[in-house]
Structure formats: structure tokens, C-alpha cells
Amino acid sequence: MNIYAMKAIYHFEMARTFRSPLQSVASPVISTILYFVVFGSAIGSRMAMIDGVPYGVFIVPGLIMLTVITQSVANASFGIYFPKYLGTIYEPLSAPISPWEMVVGYVGASTTKSMALGLIILSVSYLFVPVRVAHPFVMIVFLFLTSVAFSLLGFIIGICARNFE
């Protein structure tokens, strides 16, 4: 197992995130804040409590999962499709690295990014509604499994894609 190659792919993909923080982090967080404002404030004031839970608190897990799923698919598919599009995919393909090690590098980076976004959105949601996480360990495990599953789906989409559409 070539740990160095997996780490190199992982660090390269994470560096791509840090090169464009407004697009990678701020944009999903701001769009989720808009959901909080529109659905939480405007519609939430008209909704009754659901089993003793205010509507704003009720939609937080769904908004977190919406962002995590979309970012997992987008990061993984873009991470593998863009080198294919530019023609630079031949560099990692000619390196002494197995396909599984490439998958671990790309999917690991996508999973890390989407989990970080989910946790950032959870912390931002405290500004809008009084959220309480009853089972933090279960939440992290579920967030991780969701991120991995949809990152793998995004990786498959990126491999099969013929164009940006």
C-alpha cells in the first residue's frame, strides 16, 4: 500500500479547497444561512412546533445533510473529472499507485471537506436557533458514513462523465 501517494493526492485536493475558500467554504455556508433565514424565520414563524421542537431547529439536520450530500458529490466528481478534462490525469495513472489508493486519496479529501462543512454549518446554526445534539458520536458517525457514500458516488460520476453537464 502506497501511503505516500494517497497522502499526496489527499493533500493536493485539500490544497485546492484552501486556494479558493470563498467558493469552497463560504458559498455553501452562505447559501445554507439563506435557507435558515427564508425557511426558519419567514416560514418558521407560521409553523407550529413539531413534537415540542421549533421548526427552525427541526430543519437544521436536513440543511446540514443537504450541504454535505451536495458537497460530497461535487468535490469528488470535480476532483477526478477536472484532471481528466485537462489531460493531467495521466500523471497519477502512470505513477506506481493502485486504483484503490487513488480512490482513497480523492474520496478521503472529499469526505474531509464535506464533513468540515457540515460541522461549520452546525456551528453557524447556533446563531439562528437553539440546536441541541442529543447523540454527538452517532451524529459524527452518520455524517462520516453519508460523506463517504456520496463521495464514492461523486467519484463514480466524475469517472463516467464525458462533459461538465
Protein backbone atom coordinates (compact mmCIF):
# COMPACT_ATOMS: atom_id res chain seq x y z
CA MET A 1 0.00 0.00 0.00
CA ASN A 2 1.49 3.31 -1.12
CA ILE A 3 0.68 5.66 1.76
CA TYR A 4 2.76 8.49 0.32
CA ALA A 5 0.78 8.54 -2.93
CA MET A 6 -2.55 8.55 -1.08
CA LYS A 7 -1.33 11.38 1.14
CA ALA A 8 -0.10 13.32 -1.90
CA ILE A 9 -3.49 13.08 -3.64
CA TYR A 10 -5.27 13.93 -0.39
CA HIS A 11 -3.08 16.98 0.27
CA PHE A 12 -3.37 18.15 -3.33
CA GLU A 13 -7.17 18.01 -3.18
CA MET A 14 -7.25 19.73 0.21
CA ALA A 15 -4.93 22.45 -1.11
CA ARG A 16 -7.41 23.04 -3.93
CA THR A 17 -10.01 23.83 -1.28
CA PHE A 18 -7.77 26.28 0.52
CA ARG A 19 -6.85 28.04 -2.74
CA SER A 20 -10.47 29.10 -3.20
CA PRO A 21 -12.00 29.43 0.29
CA LEU A 22 -14.82 31.71 -0.86
CA GLN A 23 -16.04 29.17 -3.38
CA SER A 24 -15.27 26.07 -1.32
CA VAL A 25 -16.39 27.12 2.15
CA ALA A 26 -18.13 30.49 2.18
CA SER A 27 -20.52 29.81 -0.69
CA PRO A 28 -22.16 26.67 0.80
CA VAL A 29 -22.30 28.26 4.26
CA ILE A 30 -23.90 31.46 2.95
CA SER A 31 -26.47 29.53 0.89
CA THR A 32 -27.40 27.49 3.97
CA ILE A 33 -27.71 30.70 6.01
CA LEU A 34 -30.16 31.91 3.37
CA TYR A 35 -32.18 28.73 3.89
CA PHE A 36 -32.16 29.44 7.63
CA VAL A 37 -33.38 32.97 7.05
CA VAL A 38 -36.06 32.08 4.49
CA PHE A 39 -37.38 28.83 5.90
CA GLY A 40 -36.51 29.34 9.56
CA SER A 41 -37.62 32.93 10.01
CA ALA A 42 -40.22 33.57 7.35
CA ILE A 43 -41.95 30.20 7.25
CA GLY A 44 -40.96 29.03 10.73
CA SER A 45 -42.96 31.74 12.44
CA ARG A 46 -46.11 30.36 10.81
CA MET A 47 -45.39 26.70 11.61
CA ALA A 48 -46.45 25.01 14.80
CA MET A 49 -43.96 23.17 16.98
CA ILE A 50 -43.28 19.59 15.90
CA ASP A 51 -43.23 17.30 18.96
CA GLY A 52 -42.11 20.23 21.07
CA VAL A 53 -39.34 21.20 18.65
CA PRO A 54 -39.44 24.59 16.91
CA TYR A 55 -39.48 24.49 13.10
CA GLY A 56 -36.09 26.23 12.84
CA VAL A 57 -34.43 23.53 14.95
CA PHE A 58 -36.35 20.84 13.05
CA ILE A 59 -34.86 21.82 9.67
CA VAL A 60 -31.21 22.06 10.83
CA PRO A 61 -30.33 18.36 10.26
CA GLY A 62 -31.91 18.44 6.82
CA LEU A 63 -30.00 21.56 5.83
CA ILE A 64 -26.74 20.06 7.09
CA MET A 65 -27.34 16.85 5.14
CA LEU A 66 -28.34 18.82 2.04
CA THR A 67 -25.00 20.59 2.07
CA VAL A 68 -22.97 17.51 2.99
CA ILE A 69 -24.50 15.39 0.23
CA THR A 70 -24.16 18.05 -2.48
CA GLN A 71 -20.62 18.95 -1.49
CA SER A 72 -19.55 15.30 -1.26
CA VAL A 73 -20.75 14.56 -4.77
CA ALA A 74 -19.45 17.85 -6.21
CA ASN A 75 -15.99 17.68 -4.62
CA ALA A 76 -15.32 14.07 -5.55
CA SER A 77 -16.67 14.32 -9.09
CA PHE A 78 -14.85 17.58 -9.81
CA GLY A 79 -11.64 16.28 -8.23
CA ILE A 80 -11.39 13.36 -10.66
CA TYR A 81 -13.14 14.89 -13.68
CA PHE A 82 -11.11 18.09 -13.92
CA PRO A 83 -7.72 16.32 -14.34
CA LYS A 84 -9.42 14.12 -16.94
CA TYR A 85 -10.69 17.23 -18.72
CA LEU A 86 -7.29 18.96 -18.62
CA GLY A 87 -5.39 15.83 -19.60
CA THR A 88 -3.30 15.75 -16.43
CA ILE A 89 -4.89 12.51 -15.22
CA TYR A 90 -2.09 10.58 -16.92
CA GLU A 91 0.38 11.66 -14.22
CA PRO A 92 -1.32 9.77 -11.37
CA LEU A 93 -2.28 6.95 -13.73
CA SER A 94 1.37 6.39 -14.69
CA ALA A 95 2.55 6.61 -11.06
CA PRO A 96 3.11 3.40 -9.09
CA ILE A 97 -0.25 3.63 -7.34
CA SER A 98 -3.19 1.27 -7.48
CA PRO A 99 -6.70 2.44 -8.41
CA TRP A 100 -7.86 1.78 -4.83
CA GLU A 101 -5.18 4.06 -3.46
CA MET A 102 -6.31 6.81 -5.85
CA VAL A 103 -9.90 6.32 -4.69
CA VAL A 104 -8.83 6.59 -1.05
CA GLY A 105 -6.98 9.86 -1.77
CA TYR A 106 -9.76 11.55 -3.72
CA VAL A 107 -12.67 10.24 -1.64
CA GLY A 108 -10.81 10.91 1.62
CA ALA A 109 -10.30 14.56 0.69
CA SER A 110 -13.90 14.95 -0.43
CA THR A 111 -15.14 13.33 2.77
CA THR A 112 -12.98 15.60 4.92
CA LYS A 113 -14.20 18.72 3.11
CA SER A 114 -17.88 17.82 3.30
CA MET A 115 -17.68 16.79 6.96
CA ALA A 116 -15.93 20.05 7.82
CA LEU A 117 -18.68 21.96 6.00
CA GLY A 118 -21.35 20.03 7.89
CA LEU A 119 -19.74 20.88 11.22
CA ILE A 120 -19.30 24.53 10.21
CA ILE A 121 -22.98 24.74 9.28
CA LEU A 122 -23.93 23.12 12.58
CA SER A 123 -21.92 25.73 14.47
CA VAL A 124 -23.42 28.56 12.37
CA SER A 125 -26.92 27.24 13.06
CA TYR A 126 -26.38 28.03 16.76
CA LEU A 127 -26.54 31.71 15.75
CA PHE A 128 -30.09 31.27 14.45
CA VAL A 129 -31.76 28.56 16.55
CA PRO A 130 -31.09 26.80 19.87
CA VAL A 131 -29.86 23.48 18.47
CA ARG A 132 -29.04 20.63 20.83
CA VAL A 133 -27.25 17.48 19.67
CA ALA A 134 -28.51 14.59 21.79
CA HIS A 135 -26.02 11.98 20.49
CA PRO A 136 -22.84 13.66 19.17
CA PHE A 137 -20.97 10.40 18.49
CA VAL A 138 -23.84 8.99 16.46
CA MET A 139 -24.08 12.30 14.58
CA ILE A 140 -20.37 12.19 13.65
CA VAL A 141 -20.58 8.55 12.53
CA PHE A 142 -23.68 9.23 10.43
CA LEU A 143 -22.07 12.36 8.95
CA PHE A 144 -18.95 10.35 8.10
CA LEU A 145 -20.83 7.45 6.51
CA THR A 146 -23.01 9.81 4.48
CA SER A 147 -19.95 11.76 3.32
CA VAL A 148 -18.10 8.60 2.28
CA ALA A 149 -21.08 7.12 0.45
CA PHE A 150 -21.83 10.25 -1.54
CA SER A 151 -18.15 10.95 -2.18
CA LEU A 152 -17.87 7.49 -3.71
CA LEU A 153 -20.94 8.24 -5.82
CA GLY A 154 -19.38 11.54 -6.92
CA PHE A 155 -16.13 9.77 -7.78
CA ILE A 156 -18.02 7.32 -9.99
CA ILE A 157 -19.87 10.21 -11.63
CA GLY A 158 -16.56 12.01 -12.26
CA ILE A 159 -15.05 8.93 -13.87
CA CYS A 160 -18.09 8.31 -16.11
CA ALA A 161 -18.65 11.96 -17.07
CA ARG A 162 -17.92 12.93 -20.65
CA ASN A 163 -18.51 16.68 -20.21
CA PHE A 164 -19.43 19.17 -17.49
CA GLU A 165 -23.16 18.57 -17.83
